[in-house]
Protein backbone atom coordinates (compact mmCIF):
# COMPACT_ATOMS: atom_id res chain seq x y z
CA MET A 1 0.00 0.00 0.00
CA SER A 2 1.39 3.44 -0.89
CA GLN A 3 2.26 5.95 1.80
CA ARG A 4 -0.48 8.34 0.68
CA VAL A 5 -3.16 5.64 0.93
CA ASP A 6 -1.84 4.74 4.37
CA ASP A 7 -1.95 8.41 5.40
CA VAL A 8 -5.56 8.74 4.30
CA MET A 9 -6.56 5.53 6.13
CA LYS A 10 -4.92 6.86 9.31
CA LEU A 11 -6.73 10.18 8.84
CA CYS A 12 -10.04 8.30 8.57
CA CYS A 13 -9.19 6.32 11.70
CA GLU A 14 -8.37 9.52 13.59
CA LEU A 15 -11.59 11.23 12.52
CA SER A 16 -13.77 8.27 13.44
CA ALA A 17 -11.95 7.74 16.76
CA ASN A 18 -12.50 11.42 17.66
CA GLN A 19 -16.21 11.01 17.02
CA GLN A 20 -16.35 7.58 18.70
CA VAL A 21 -18.10 5.81 15.84
CA LYS A 22 -18.91 2.09 15.92
CA THR A 23 -20.25 0.00 13.08
CA ALA A 24 -22.17 -3.22 12.68
CA VAL A 25 -21.55 -4.93 9.39
CA LYS A 26 -24.50 -7.02 8.12
CA HIS A 27 -25.53 -8.39 11.53
CA SER A 28 -28.01 -5.88 12.96
CA GLY A 29 -30.93 -7.23 10.92
CA LYS A 30 -30.47 -10.68 12.43
CA GLY A 31 -31.11 -9.36 15.95
CA ALA A 32 -34.12 -7.33 14.84
CA LEU A 33 -35.65 -10.30 13.02
CA THR A 34 -35.20 -12.50 16.08
CA ALA A 35 -36.89 -10.00 18.38
CA GLY A 36 -39.78 -9.37 15.96
CA GLY A 37 -40.23 -13.04 15.13
CA LEU A 38 -40.49 -14.12 18.75
CA ALA A 39 -42.87 -11.24 19.55
CA PHE A 40 -45.08 -12.38 16.67
CA ALA A 41 -44.95 -16.02 17.76
CA GLY A 42 -45.70 -15.02 21.34
CA GLY A 43 -48.70 -13.03 20.15
CA LEU A 44 -50.06 -16.03 18.27
CA VAL A 45 -49.69 -18.30 21.27
CA GLY A 46 -50.44 -16.02 24.19
CA GLY A 47 -52.22 -12.94 22.86
CA PRO A 48 -51.17 -9.53 24.19
CA LEU A 49 -49.21 -11.01 27.09
CA GLY A 50 -47.49 -13.38 24.66
CA ILE A 51 -46.38 -10.41 22.54
CA ALA A 52 -44.73 -8.82 25.60
CA VAL A 53 -43.03 -12.03 26.68
CA GLY A 54 -42.02 -12.98 23.13
CA GLY A 55 -40.65 -9.49 22.48
CA ALA A 56 -38.62 -9.53 25.70
CA VAL A 57 -37.21 -12.99 25.07
CA GLY A 58 -36.60 -12.18 21.39
CA GLY A 59 -34.85 -8.93 22.30
CA LEU A 60 -32.54 -10.71 24.71
CA LEU A 61 -31.84 -13.48 22.21
CA GLY A 62 -31.20 -10.94 19.44
CA CYS A 63 -28.84 -9.03 21.71
CA TRP A 64 -26.94 -12.20 22.54
CA MET A 65 -26.75 -13.25 18.87
CA THR A 66 -25.26 -9.93 17.75
CA SER A 67 -23.04 -9.20 20.75
CA GLY A 68 -19.51 -8.43 19.72
CA GLN A 69 -20.60 -7.53 16.17
CA PHE A 70 -20.19 -3.79 16.73
CA LYS A 71 -16.62 -2.69 16.15
CA PRO A 72 -14.93 0.68 16.41
CA LEU A 73 -14.75 2.23 12.95
CA PRO A 74 -10.92 2.52 13.03
CA GLN A 75 -10.75 -1.26 13.44
CA VAL A 76 -13.13 -1.77 10.50
CA ILE A 77 -11.05 0.57 8.33
CA MET A 78 -7.80 -1.24 9.11
CA GLU A 79 -9.41 -4.65 8.44
CA MET A 80 -10.68 -3.63 4.98
CA THR A 81 -9.12 -5.27 1.95
CA THR A 82 -6.57 -3.38 -0.14
CA GLU A 83 -9.22 -2.86 -2.84
CA GLN A 84 -11.70 -1.45 -0.33
CA GLN A 85 -9.05 0.87 1.11
CA GLN A 86 -8.12 2.02 -2.40
CA LYS A 87 -11.79 2.88 -3.15
CA LEU A 88 -12.11 4.79 0.13
CA TYR A 89 -8.82 6.57 -0.66
CA GLU A 90 -10.22 7.68 -4.02
CA ASP A 91 -13.40 8.99 -2.37
CA ILE A 92 -11.42 10.96 0.23
CA MET A 93 -8.92 12.24 -2.36
CA ALA A 94 -11.82 13.79 -4.27
CA ILE A 95 -12.07 16.10 -1.24
CA VAL A 96 -8.45 16.54 -0.09
CA GLY A 97 -6.69 16.04 -3.42
CA SER A 98 -5.63 19.68 -3.68
CA ILE A 99 -3.87 19.55 -0.30
CA ASP A 100 -0.12 19.00 -0.34
CA TRP A 101 1.05 17.12 2.76
CA THR A 102 4.29 15.48 3.80
CA ASP A 103 3.06 13.06 6.48
CA VAL A 104 -0.09 11.86 8.22
CA ALA A 105 0.39 14.30 11.12
CA GLN A 106 0.34 17.27 8.75
CA LEU A 107 -2.68 15.93 6.84
CA THR A 108 -4.56 15.30 10.09
CA THR A 109 -3.73 18.79 11.40
CA ILE A 110 -4.93 20.42 8.18
CA VAL A 111 -8.21 18.48 8.08
CA LEU A 112 -8.98 18.79 11.80
CA GLY A 113 -8.17 22.50 11.65
CA ASN A 114 -10.80 23.18 8.99
CA ALA A 115 -14.35 22.42 10.16
CA SER A 116 -15.77 22.35 6.63
CA LEU A 117 -13.07 20.02 5.36
CA GLN A 118 -13.44 17.79 8.43
CA GLN A 119 -17.19 17.56 7.85
CA GLN A 120 -16.75 16.71 4.16
CA VAL A 121 -14.17 13.98 4.84
CA THR A 122 -16.29 12.52 7.66
CA ALA A 123 -19.39 12.52 5.44
CA ALA A 124 -17.48 10.77 2.63
CA LEU A 125 -16.13 8.18 5.09
CA LEU A 126 -19.54 7.41 6.61
CA ASN A 127 -21.14 7.31 3.16
CA TYR A 128 -18.52 4.79 2.01
CA ILE A 129 -18.99 2.62 5.12
CA HIS A 130 -22.76 2.65 4.71
CA LYS A 131 -22.96 2.08 0.94
CA GLU A 132 -19.92 -0.08 0.17
CA LEU A 133 -19.71 -2.17 3.36
CA GLN A 134 -23.47 -2.06 4.08
CA ALA A 135 -22.70 -1.27 7.70
CA GLU A 136 -24.79 0.50 10.28
CA VAL A 137 -23.06 3.41 11.96
CA HIS A 138 -23.60 4.25 15.63
CA TYR A 139 -22.17 7.05 17.72
CA ILE A 140 -21.09 6.14 21.24
CA ASP A 141 -22.61 8.40 23.90
């Protein structure tokens, strides 16, 4: 991987770490389906009380099934394939391509020092994560 691609990946990691973003890649629907399915089944068997019990049991089961699936976004970025990182690099370079930097520290300082630029890079990153990786994005409170 070229140094510039590596710099942009580290910038993306820094931005997402600052905003404390976590992602769930393709597993959130499984938990939701489990909770909804058991609530439905409970309603068929036990009426209104069955819906409550089925929903509670389904929610707990869905939580257990998807536990550990949410990862910090910097981890997701560093685990992406070279091709995925190259595509993200191209998306980010469409925004920061006119900037001349010597190392990742300088690039990070420039982007973090400009609120508009930071917002554009963050939006491009989250858009890529959502569309290309089909991941849900959550902010940690």
